[in-house]
PDB file of all heavy atoms in Angstrom:
ATOM      1  N   ALA A   1     -14.244   4.631  12.831  1.00  0.00           N
ATOM      2  CA  ALA A   1     -14.083   5.290  11.566  1.00  0.00           C
ATOM      3  C   ALA A   1     -13.679   6.696  11.663  1.00  0.00           C
ATOM      4  O   ALA A   1     -14.224   7.332  12.582  1.00  0.00           O
ATOM      5  CB  ALA A   1     -15.299   5.216  10.738  1.00  0.00           C
ATOM      6  N   ASN A   2     -12.698   7.117  10.824  1.00  0.00           N
ATOM      7  CA  ASN A   2     -12.146   8.567  10.906  1.00  0.00           C
ATOM      8  C   ASN A   2     -11.622   8.898  12.249  1.00  0.00           C
ATOM      9  O   ASN A   2     -11.702  10.196  12.635  1.00  0.00           O
ATOM     10  CB  ASN A   2     -13.414   9.517  10.497  1.00  0.00           C
ATOM     11  CG  ASN A   2     -13.953   9.146   9.053  1.00  0.00           C
ATOM     12  OD1 ASN A   2     -13.231   9.095   8.106  1.00  0.00           O
ATOM     13  ND2 ASN A   2     -15.186   9.075   9.047  1.00  0.00           N
ATOM     14  N   THR A   3     -11.039   8.026  12.871  1.00  0.00           N
ATOM     15  CA  THR A   3     -10.423   8.164  14.196  1.00  0.00           C
ATOM     16  C   THR A   3      -9.026   7.624  14.263  1.00  0.00           C
ATOM     17  O   THR A   3      -8.965   6.274  14.088  1.00  0.00           O
ATOM     18  CB  THR A   3     -11.363   7.739  15.357  1.00  0.00           C
ATOM     19  OG1 THR A   3     -12.538   8.253  15.252  1.00  0.00           O
ATOM     20  CG2 THR A   3     -10.734   8.031  16.669  1.00  0.00           C
ATOM     21  N   GLY A   4      -8.113   8.348  14.625  1.00  0.00           N
ATOM     22  CA  GLY A   4      -6.730   7.760  14.745  1.00  0.00           C
ATOM     23  C   GLY A   4      -6.005   7.348  13.500  1.00  0.00           C
ATOM     24  O   GLY A   4      -6.473   7.652  12.319  1.00  0.00           O
ATOM     25  N   HIS A   5      -4.883   6.706  13.608  1.00  0.00           N
ATOM     26  CA  HIS A   5      -4.177   6.081  12.389  1.00  0.00           C
ATOM     27  C   HIS A   5      -3.428   4.920  12.845  1.00  0.00           C
ATOM     28  O   HIS A   5      -3.090   4.758  14.027  1.00  0.00           O
ATOM     29  CB  HIS A   5      -3.341   7.170  11.825  1.00  0.00           C
ATOM     30  CG  HIS A   5      -2.194   7.587  12.742  1.00  0.00           C
ATOM     31  ND1 HIS A   5      -2.365   8.541  13.752  1.00  0.00           N
ATOM     32  CD2 HIS A   5      -0.907   7.188  12.769  1.00  0.00           C
ATOM     33  CE1 HIS A   5      -1.200   8.663  14.356  1.00  0.00           C
ATOM     34  NE2 HIS A   5      -0.307   7.882  13.803  1.00  0.00           N
ATOM     35  N   MET A   6      -3.192   4.030  11.867  1.00  0.00           N
ATOM     36  CA  MET A   6      -2.367   2.918  12.118  1.00  0.00           C
ATOM     37  C   MET A   6      -0.907   3.336  12.205  1.00  0.00           C
ATOM     38  O   MET A   6      -0.294   3.918  11.295  1.00  0.00           O
ATOM     39  CB  MET A   6      -2.514   1.828  11.122  1.00  0.00           C
ATOM     40  CG  MET A   6      -1.820   0.591  11.431  1.00  0.00           C
ATOM     41  SD  MET A   6      -2.361  -0.862  10.378  1.00  0.00           S
ATOM     42  CE  MET A   6      -1.567  -0.393   8.791  1.00  0.00           C
ATOM     43  N   LYS A   7      -0.180   2.888  13.329  1.00  0.00           N
ATOM     44  CA  LYS A   7       1.265   3.320  13.513  1.00  0.00           C
ATOM     45  C   LYS A   7       2.088   2.582  12.525  1.00  0.00           C
ATOM     46  O   LYS A   7       1.881   1.422  12.240  1.00  0.00           O
ATOM     47  CB  LYS A   7       1.671   2.966  14.898  1.00  0.00           C
ATOM     48  CG  LYS A   7       0.765   3.627  16.050  1.00  0.00           C
ATOM     49  CD  LYS A   7       1.201   3.165  17.380  1.00  0.00           C
ATOM     50  CE  LYS A   7       0.139   3.604  18.465  1.00  0.00           C
ATOM     51  NZ  LYS A   7      -1.142   2.963  18.290  1.00  0.00           N
ATOM     52  N   LEU A   8       3.168   3.320  12.053  1.00  0.00           N
ATOM     53  CA  LEU A   8       4.072   2.687  11.102  1.00  0.00           C
ATOM     54  C   LEU A   8       4.816   1.451  11.686  1.00  0.00           C
ATOM     55  O   LEU A   8       5.256   0.593  10.917  1.00  0.00           O
ATOM     56  CB  LEU A   8       5.180   3.691  10.701  1.00  0.00           C
ATOM     57  CG  LEU A   8       4.691   4.792   9.701  1.00  0.00           C
ATOM     58  CD1 LEU A   8       5.753   5.760   9.438  1.00  0.00           C
ATOM     59  CD2 LEU A   8       4.165   4.124   8.405  1.00  0.00           C
ATOM     60  N   GLU A   9       4.996   1.308  13.009  1.00  0.00           N
ATOM     61  CA  GLU A   9       5.692   0.257  13.626  1.00  0.00           C
ATOM     62  C   GLU A   9       4.773  -1.021  13.690  1.00  0.00           C
ATOM     63  O   GLU A   9       5.217  -2.070  14.053  1.00  0.00           O
ATOM     64  CB  GLU A   9       6.226   0.530  14.964  1.00  0.00           C
ATOM     65  CG  GLU A   9       5.173   1.048  15.930  1.00  0.00           C
ATOM     66  CD  GLU A   9       4.978   2.509  16.068  1.00  0.00           C
ATOM     67  OE1 GLU A   9       5.269   3.192  15.037  1.00  0.00           O
ATOM     68  OE2 GLU A   9       4.682   3.128  17.078  1.00  0.00           O
ATOM     69  N   GLU A  10       3.571  -0.991  13.317  1.00  0.00           N
ATOM     70  CA  GLU A  10       2.690  -2.088  13.274  1.00  0.00           C
ATOM     71  C   GLU A  10       3.179  -3.003  12.193  1.00  0.00           C
ATOM     72  O   GLU A  10       3.510  -2.637  11.064  1.00  0.00           O
ATOM     73  CB  GLU A  10       1.235  -1.666  13.019  1.00  0.00           C
ATOM     74  CG  GLU A  10       0.560  -1.018  14.172  1.00  0.00           C
ATOM     75  CD  GLU A  10       0.381  -1.830  15.375  1.00  0.00           C
ATOM     76  OE1 GLU A  10       0.361  -3.079  15.312  1.00  0.00           O
ATOM     77  OE2 GLU A  10       0.287  -1.335  16.496  1.00  0.00           O
ATOM     78  N   LEU A  11       3.207  -4.297  12.456  1.00  0.00           N
ATOM     79  CA  LEU A  11       3.623  -5.350  11.515  1.00  0.00           C
ATOM     80  C   LEU A  11       2.370  -5.826  10.790  1.00  0.00           C
ATOM     81  O   LEU A  11       1.402  -6.351  11.366  1.00  0.00           O
ATOM     82  CB  LEU A  11       4.254  -6.471  12.207  1.00  0.00           C
ATOM     83  CG  LEU A  11       4.933  -7.557  11.376  1.00  0.00           C
ATOM     84  CD1 LEU A  11       6.126  -6.880  10.528  1.00  0.00           C
ATOM     85  CD2 LEU A  11       5.573  -8.608  12.296  1.00  0.00           C
ATOM     86  N   THR A  12       2.377  -5.733   9.363  1.00  0.00           N
ATOM     87  CA  THR A  12       1.260  -6.123   8.599  1.00  0.00           C
ATOM     88  C   THR A  12       1.560  -7.461   7.888  1.00  0.00           C
ATOM     89  O   THR A  12       2.711  -7.936   7.795  1.00  0.00           O
ATOM     90  CB  THR A  12       1.003  -5.080   7.579  1.00  0.00           C
ATOM     91  OG1 THR A  12       2.036  -4.981   6.544  1.00  0.00           O
ATOM     92  CG2 THR A  12       0.749  -3.678   8.130  1.00  0.00           C
ATOM     93  N   LEU A  13       0.389  -8.034   7.348  1.00  0.00           N
ATOM     94  CA  LEU A  13       0.612  -9.230   6.624  1.00  0.00           C
ATOM     95  C   LEU A  13       1.586  -9.029   5.473  1.00  0.00           C
ATOM     96  O   LEU A  13       2.317  -9.879   5.116  1.00  0.00           O
ATOM     97  CB  LEU A  13      -0.823  -9.638   6.126  1.00  0.00           C
ATOM     98  CG  LEU A  13      -1.671 -10.562   6.935  1.00  0.00           C
ATOM     99  CD1 LEU A  13      -3.076 -10.674   6.343  1.00  0.00           C
ATOM    100  CD2 LEU A  13      -0.997 -11.860   7.179  1.00  0.00           C
ATOM    101  N   ALA A  14       1.400  -7.920   4.854  1.00  0.00           N
ATOM    102  CA  ALA A  14       2.251  -7.419   3.639  1.00  0.00           C
ATOM    103  C   ALA A  14       3.697  -7.536   4.000  1.00  0.00           C
ATOM    104  O   ALA A  14       4.617  -8.039   3.297  1.00  0.00           O
ATOM    105  CB  ALA A  14       1.880  -6.201   3.050  1.00  0.00           C
ATOM    106  N   GLU A  15       4.029  -6.976   5.195  1.00  0.00           N
ATOM    107  CA  GLU A  15       5.447  -6.934   5.600  1.00  0.00           C
ATOM    108  C   GLU A  15       6.005  -8.306   5.968  1.00  0.00           C
ATOM    109  O   GLU A  15       7.084  -8.659   5.567  1.00  0.00           O
ATOM    110  CB  GLU A  15       5.581  -5.948   6.886  1.00  0.00           C
ATOM    111  CG  GLU A  15       5.371  -4.587   6.501  1.00  0.00           C
ATOM    112  CD  GLU A  15       5.279  -3.570   7.722  1.00  0.00           C
ATOM    113  OE1 GLU A  15       4.334  -3.807   8.537  1.00  0.00           O
ATOM    114  OE2 GLU A  15       6.265  -2.821   7.920  1.00  0.00           O
ATOM    115  N   LEU A  16       5.196  -9.138   6.525  1.00  0.00           N
ATOM    116  CA  LEU A  16       5.536 -10.446   6.926  1.00  0.00           C
ATOM    117  C   LEU A  16       5.808 -11.247   5.602  1.00  0.00           C
ATOM    118  O   LEU A  16       6.909 -11.924   5.603  1.00  0.00           O
ATOM    119  CB  LEU A  16       4.444 -11.241   7.778  1.00  0.00           C
ATOM    120  CG  LEU A  16       4.449 -10.678   9.249  1.00  0.00           C
ATOM    121  CD1 LEU A  16       3.090 -11.290   9.870  1.00  0.00           C
ATOM    122  CD2 LEU A  16       5.598 -11.192  10.026  1.00  0.00           C
ATOM    123  N   LEU A  17       4.872 -11.177   4.729  1.00  0.00           N
ATOM    124  CA  LEU A  17       5.048 -12.052   3.560  1.00  0.00           C
ATOM    125  C   LEU A  17       6.044 -11.492   2.576  1.00  0.00           C
ATOM    126  O   LEU A  17       6.881 -12.208   2.029  1.00  0.00           O
ATOM    127  CB  LEU A  17       3.694 -11.987   2.763  1.00  0.00           C
ATOM    128  CG  LEU A  17       2.558 -12.799   3.422  1.00  0.00           C
ATOM    129  CD1 LEU A  17       1.283 -12.501   2.784  1.00  0.00           C
ATOM    130  CD2 LEU A  17       2.893 -14.203   3.467  1.00  0.00           C
ATOM    131  N   LYS A  18       6.328 -10.110   2.502  1.00  0.00           N
ATOM    132  CA  LYS A  18       7.451  -9.595   1.806  1.00  0.00           C
ATOM    133  C   LYS A  18       8.791 -10.156   2.363  1.00  0.00           C
ATOM    134  O   LYS A  18       9.638 -10.477   1.584  1.00  0.00           O
ATOM    135  CB  LYS A  18       7.298  -8.095   1.821  1.00  0.00           C
ATOM    136  CG  LYS A  18       8.332  -7.406   0.939  1.00  0.00           C
ATOM    137  CD  LYS A  18       8.224  -5.864   1.011  1.00  0.00           C
ATOM    138  CE  LYS A  18       9.123  -5.145   0.079  1.00  0.00           C
ATOM    139  NZ  LYS A  18       8.900  -3.696   0.116  1.00  0.00           N
ATOM    140  N   ASN A  19       8.887 -10.237   3.634  1.00  0.00           N
ATOM    141  CA  ASN A  19      10.138 -10.816   4.221  1.00  0.00           C
ATOM    142  C   ASN A  19      10.386 -12.190   3.863  1.00  0.00           C
ATOM    143  O   ASN A  19      11.499 -12.722   4.015  1.00  0.00           O
ATOM    144  CB  ASN A  19      10.054 -10.602   5.808  1.00  0.00           C
ATOM    145  CG  ASN A  19      10.187  -9.086   6.257  1.00  0.00           C
ATOM    146  OD1 ASN A  19      10.709  -8.322   5.449  1.00  0.00           O
ATOM    147  ND2 ASN A  19       9.725  -8.807   7.381  1.00  0.00           N
ATOM    148  N   HIS A  20       9.330 -12.938   3.394  1.00  0.00           N
ATOM    149  CA  HIS A  20       9.387 -14.273   3.022  1.00  0.00           C
ATOM    150  C   HIS A  20       9.530 -14.474   1.446  1.00  0.00           C
ATOM    151  O   HIS A  20       9.195 -15.606   0.981  1.00  0.00           O
ATOM    152  CB  HIS A  20       8.262 -15.090   3.628  1.00  0.00           C
ATOM    153  CG  HIS A  20       8.535 -15.520   4.988  1.00  0.00           C
ATOM    154  ND1 HIS A  20       8.214 -14.583   6.143  1.00  0.00           N
ATOM    155  CD2 HIS A  20       9.046 -16.484   5.754  1.00  0.00           C
ATOM    156  CE1 HIS A  20       8.459 -15.052   7.237  1.00  0.00           C
ATOM    157  NE2 HIS A  20       8.930 -16.275   7.013  1.00  0.00           N
ATOM    158  N   GLY A  21       9.716 -13.354   0.760  1.00  0.00           N
ATOM    159  CA  GLY A  21       9.959 -13.478  -0.657  1.00  0.00           C
ATOM    160  C   GLY A  21       8.754 -13.169  -1.464  1.00  0.00           C
ATOM    161  O   GLY A  21       8.745 -13.363  -2.791  1.00  0.00           O
ATOM    162  N   TYR A  22       7.672 -12.736  -0.988  1.00  0.00           N
ATOM    163  CA  TYR A  22       6.490 -12.461  -1.711  1.00  0.00           C
ATOM    164  C   TYR A  22       6.590 -11.061  -2.286  1.00  0.00           C
ATOM    165  O   TYR A  22       7.132 -10.134  -1.709  1.00  0.00           O
ATOM    166  CB  TYR A  22       5.185 -12.459  -0.788  1.00  0.00           C
ATOM    167  CG  TYR A  22       4.671 -13.893  -0.549  1.00  0.00           C
ATOM    168  CD1 TYR A  22       5.274 -14.676   0.225  1.00  0.00           C
ATOM    169  CD2 TYR A  22       3.508 -14.274  -1.114  1.00  0.00           C
ATOM    170  CE1 TYR A  22       4.791 -15.989   0.524  1.00  0.00           C
ATOM    171  CE2 TYR A  22       2.860 -15.530  -0.826  1.00  0.00           C
ATOM    172  CZ  TYR A  22       3.574 -16.381   0.018  1.00  0.00           C
ATOM    173  OH  TYR A  22       3.093 -17.636   0.262  1.00  0.00           O
ATOM    174  N   ARG A  23       5.951 -10.876  -3.469  1.00  0.00           N
ATOM    175  CA  ARG A  23       5.670  -9.558  -3.925  1.00  0.00           C
ATOM    176  C   ARG A  23       4.231  -9.246  -3.423  1.00  0.00           C
ATOM    177  O   ARG A  23       3.349 -10.126  -3.452  1.00  0.00           O
ATOM    178  CB  ARG A  23       5.821  -9.408  -5.457  1.00  0.00           C
ATOM    179  CG  ARG A  23       4.899 -10.349  -6.331  1.00  0.00           C
ATOM    180  CD  ARG A  23       5.366 -10.189  -7.753  1.00  0.00           C
ATOM    181  NE  ARG A  23       4.559 -11.044  -8.669  1.00  0.00           N
ATOM    182  CZ  ARG A  23       3.486 -10.555  -9.322  1.00  0.00           C
ATOM    183  NH1 ARG A  23       3.130  -9.349  -9.173  1.00  0.00           N
ATOM    184  NH2 ARG A  23       2.790 -11.516 -10.051  1.00  0.00           N
ATOM    185  N   THR A  24       4.023  -7.978  -3.106  1.00  0.00           N
ATOM    186  CA  THR A  24       2.849  -7.592  -2.399  1.00  0.00           C
ATOM    187  C   THR A  24       2.087  -6.391  -3.101  1.00  0.00           C
ATOM    188  O   THR A  24       2.781  -5.506  -3.522  1.00  0.00           O
ATOM    189  CB  THR A  24       3.085  -7.178  -0.919  1.00  0.00           C
ATOM    190  OG1 THR A  24       4.123  -6.163  -0.990  1.00  0.00           O
ATOM    191  CG2 THR A  24       3.654  -8.437  -0.200  1.00  0.00           C
ATOM    192  N   GLY A  25       0.758  -6.554  -3.204  1.00  0.00           N
ATOM    193  CA  GLY A  25       0.031  -5.466  -3.936  1.00  0.00           C
ATOM    194  C   GLY A  25      -1.241  -5.124  -3.173  1.00  0.00           C
ATOM    195  O   GLY A  25      -1.974  -5.936  -2.655  1.00  0.00           O
ATOM    196  N   HIS A  26      -1.496  -3.799  -3.060  1.00  0.00           N
ATOM    197  CA  HIS A  26      -2.675  -3.225  -2.503  1.00  0.00           C
ATOM    198  C   HIS A  26      -3.413  -2.521  -3.491  1.00  0.00           C
ATOM    199  O   HIS A  26      -2.959  -1.741  -4.277  1.00  0.00           O
ATOM    200  CB  HIS A  26      -2.332  -2.273  -1.384  1.00  0.00           C
ATOM    201  CG  HIS A  26      -3.436  -1.539  -0.777  1.00  0.00           C
ATOM    202  ND1 HIS A  26      -4.069  -0.465  -1.451  1.00  0.00           N
ATOM    203  CD2 HIS A  26      -4.150  -1.763   0.399  1.00  0.00           C
ATOM    204  CE1 HIS A  26      -5.088  -0.037  -0.608  1.00  0.00           C
ATOM    205  NE2 HIS A  26      -5.145  -0.785   0.445  1.00  0.00           N
ATOM    206  N   PHE A  27      -4.777  -2.928  -3.676  1.00  0.00           N
ATOM    207  CA  PHE A  27      -5.657  -2.344  -4.691  1.00  0.00           C
ATOM    208  C   PHE A  27      -6.981  -1.902  -4.054  1.00  0.00           C
ATOM    209  O   PHE A  27      -7.722  -2.825  -3.710  1.00  0.00           O
ATOM    210  CB  PHE A  27      -5.830  -3.390  -5.811  1.00  0.00           C
ATOM    211  CG  PHE A  27      -4.607  -3.765  -6.565  1.00  0.00           C
ATOM    212  CD1 PHE A  27      -3.783  -4.760  -5.986  1.00  0.00           C
ATOM    213  CD2 PHE A  27      -4.236  -3.117  -7.747  1.00  0.00           C
ATOM    214  CE1 PHE A  27      -2.634  -5.107  -6.636  1.00  0.00           C
ATOM    215  CE2 PHE A  27      -3.102  -3.394  -8.366  1.00  0.00           C
ATOM    216  CZ  PHE A  27      -2.254  -4.531  -7.780  1.00  0.00           C
ATOM    217  N   GLY A  28      -7.257  -0.593  -3.865  1.00  0.00           N
ATOM    218  CA  GLY A  28      -8.483  -0.122  -3.397  1.00  0.00           C
ATOM    219  C   GLY A  28      -8.281   0.702  -2.170  1.00  0.00           C
ATOM    220  O   GLY A  28      -7.385   1.547  -2.071  1.00  0.00           O
ATOM    221  N   LYS A  29      -9.115   0.445  -1.178  1.00  0.00           N
ATOM    222  CA  LYS A  29      -9.242   1.444  -0.110  1.00  0.00           C
ATOM    223  C   LYS A  29      -8.304   1.194   0.956  1.00  0.00           C
ATOM    224  O   LYS A  29      -8.067   0.039   1.483  1.00  0.00           O
ATOM    225  CB  LYS A  29     -10.800   1.270   0.515  1.00  0.00           C
ATOM    226  CG  LYS A  29     -11.045   2.200   1.665  1.00  0.00           C
ATOM    227  CD  LYS A  29     -12.533   1.949   2.015  1.00  0.00           C
ATOM    228  CE  LYS A  29     -13.055   2.771   3.201  1.00  0.00           C
ATOM    229  NZ  LYS A  29     -14.295   2.588   3.593  1.00  0.00           N
ATOM    230  N   TRP A  30      -7.617   2.211   1.448  1.00  0.00           N
ATOM    231  CA  TRP A  30      -6.687   2.164   2.487  1.00  0.00           C
ATOM    232  C   TRP A  30      -7.285   2.729   3.792  1.00  0.00           C
ATOM    233  O   TRP A  30      -7.775   2.073   4.707  1.00  0.00           O
ATOM    234  CB  TRP A  30      -5.383   2.931   2.222  1.00  0.00           C
ATOM    235  CG  TRP A  30      -4.327   2.918   3.328  1.00  0.00           C
ATOM    236  CD1 TRP A  30      -3.871   3.943   4.007  1.00  0.00           C
ATOM    237  CD2 TRP A  30      -3.611   1.752   3.620  1.00  0.00           C
ATOM    238  NE1 TRP A  30      -2.862   3.575   4.817  1.00  0.00           N
ATOM    239  CE2 TRP A  30      -2.746   2.147   4.667  1.00  0.00           C
ATOM    240  CE3 TRP A  30      -3.558   0.401   3.408  1.00  0.00           C
ATOM    241  CZ2 TRP A  30      -1.855   1.371   5.393  1.00  0.00           C
ATOM    242  CZ3 TRP A  30      -2.730  -0.461   4.081  1.00  0.00           C
ATOM    243  CH2 TRP A  30      -1.911   0.097   5.034  1.00  0.00           C
ATOM    244  N   HIS A  31      -7.371   4.129   3.888  1.00  0.00           N
ATOM    245  CA  HIS A  31      -8.058   4.838   5.013  1.00  0.00           C
ATOM    246  C   HIS A  31      -7.608   4.327   6.394  1.00  0.00           C
ATOM    247  O   HIS A  31      -8.483   4.084   7.242  1.00  0.00           O
ATOM    248  CB  HIS A  31      -9.570   4.656   4.834  1.00  0.00           C
ATOM    249  CG  HIS A  31     -10.327   5.735   5.576  1.00  0.00           C
ATOM    250  ND1 HIS A  31     -11.631   5.510   6.080  1.00  0.00           N
ATOM    251  CD2 HIS A  31      -9.993   7.020   5.997  1.00  0.00           C
ATOM    252  CE1 HIS A  31     -11.975   6.527   6.794  1.00  0.00           C
ATOM    253  NE2 HIS A  31     -10.999   7.619   6.681  1.00  0.00           N
ATOM    254  N   LEU A  32      -6.283   4.146   6.557  1.00  0.00           N
ATOM    255  CA  LEU A  32      -5.770   3.726   7.858  1.00  0.00           C
ATOM    256  C   LEU A  32      -4.746   4.726   8.271  1.00  0.00           C
ATOM    257  O   LEU A  32      -3.931   4.345   9.131  1.00  0.00           O
ATOM    258  CB  LEU A  32      -5.063   2.338   7.737  1.00  0.00           C
ATOM    259  CG  LEU A  32      -6.058   1.162   7.382  1.00  0.00           C
ATOM    260  CD1 LEU A  32      -5.291  -0.112   7.102  1.00  0.00           C
ATOM    261  CD2 LEU A  32      -7.132   0.923   8.394  1.00  0.00           C
ATOM    262  N   GLY A  33      -4.839   5.965   7.863  1.00  0.00           N
ATOM    263  CA  GLY A  33      -3.949   6.959   8.275  1.00  0.00           C
ATOM    264  C   GLY A  33      -3.022   7.325   7.092  1.00  0.00           C
ATOM    265  O   GLY A  33      -3.254   7.021   5.978  1.00  0.00           O
ATOM    266  N   GLY A  34      -2.043   8.083   7.491  1.00  0.00           N
ATOM    267  CA  GLY A  34      -1.016   8.596   6.520  1.00  0.00           C
ATOM    268  C   GLY A  34      -1.506   9.845   5.873  1.00  0.00           C
ATOM    269  O   GLY A  34      -1.303  10.095   4.653  1.00  0.00           O
ATOM    270  N   TYR A  35      -2.121  10.761   6.527  1.00  0.00           N
ATOM    271  CA  TYR A  35      -2.666  12.045   5.959  1.00  0.00           C
ATOM    272  C   TYR A  35      -1.438  12.634   5.284  1.00  0.00           C
ATOM    273  O   TYR A  35      -0.385  12.952   5.964  1.00  0.00           O
ATOM    274  CB  TYR A  35      -3.198  12.906   6.982  1.00  0.00           C
ATOM    275  CG  TYR A  35      -3.754  14.216   6.480  1.00  0.00           C
ATOM    276  CD1 TYR A  35      -4.880  14.360   5.775  1.00  0.00           C
ATOM    277  CD2 TYR A  35      -3.011  15.395   6.657  1.00  0.00           C
ATOM    278  CE1 TYR A  35      -5.370  15.461   5.222  1.00  0.00           C
ATOM    279  CE2 TYR A  35      -3.305  16.683   6.198  1.00  0.00           C
ATOM    280  CZ  TYR A  35      -4.652  16.644   5.488  1.00  0.00           C
ATOM    281  OH  TYR A  35      -5.051  17.838   4.968  1.00  0.00           O
ATOM    282  N   GLY A  36      -1.606  13.201   4.076  1.00  0.00           N
ATOM    283  CA  GLY A  36      -0.570  13.902   3.476  1.00  0.00           C
ATOM    284  C   GLY A  36       0.436  12.994   2.708  1.00  0.00           C
ATOM    285  O   GLY A  36       1.357  13.466   2.121  1.00  0.00           O
ATOM    286  N   THR A  37       0.338  11.672   2.919  1.00  0.00           N
ATOM    287  CA  THR A  37       1.196  10.724   2.332  1.00  0.00           C
ATOM    288  C   THR A  37       0.443   9.683   1.505  1.00  0.00           C
ATOM    289  O   THR A  37       0.070   8.681   2.082  1.00  0.00           O
ATOM    290  CB  THR A  37       2.087  10.045   3.341  1.00  0.00           C
ATOM    291  OG1 THR A  37       1.267   9.372   4.392  1.00  0.00           O
ATOM    292  CG2 THR A  37       2.963  11.010   4.078  1.00  0.00           C
ATOM    293  N   PRO A  38       0.066  10.010   0.311  1.00  0.00           N
ATOM    294  CA  PRO A  38      -0.889   9.110  -0.428  1.00  0.00           C
ATOM    295  C   PRO A  38      -0.426   7.708  -0.617  1.00  0.00           C
ATOM    296  O   PRO A  38      -1.192   6.752  -0.800  1.00  0.00           O
ATOM    297  CB  PRO A  38      -0.937   9.792  -1.814  1.00  0.00           C
ATOM    298  CG  PRO A  38      -0.581  11.239  -1.546  1.00  0.00           C
ATOM    299  CD  PRO A  38       0.357  11.195  -0.408  1.00  0.00           C
ATOM    300  N   GLU A  39       0.877   7.433  -0.433  1.00  0.00           N
ATOM    301  CA  GLU A  39       1.420   6.160  -0.519  1.00  0.00           C
ATOM    302  C   GLU A  39       1.487   5.353   0.740  1.00  0.00           C
ATOM    303  O   GLU A  39       2.347   4.569   1.085  1.00  0.00           O
ATOM    304  CB  GLU A  39       2.860   6.146  -1.156  1.00  0.00           C
ATOM    305  CG  GLU A  39       2.870   6.737  -2.551  1.00  0.00           C
ATOM    306  CD  GLU A  39       2.128   5.758  -3.636  1.00  0.00           C
ATOM    307  OE1 GLU A  39       2.530   4.579  -3.644  1.00  0.00           O
ATOM    308  OE2 GLU A  39       1.183   6.221  -4.118  1.00  0.00           O
TER     309      GLU A  39
END
C-alpha cells in the first residue's frame, strides 16, 4: 500500500473488454497511481 504505481502499459480487464465492444465504468476507489492525474 502507498508504494509504487501501476504502469500505463499494463493491460487491464477494462481495456480488454473495451476492445471487444464493451462500455466500461469504474465507480469508487482507484489508488493505483496517477498522482496529479485524477482521471
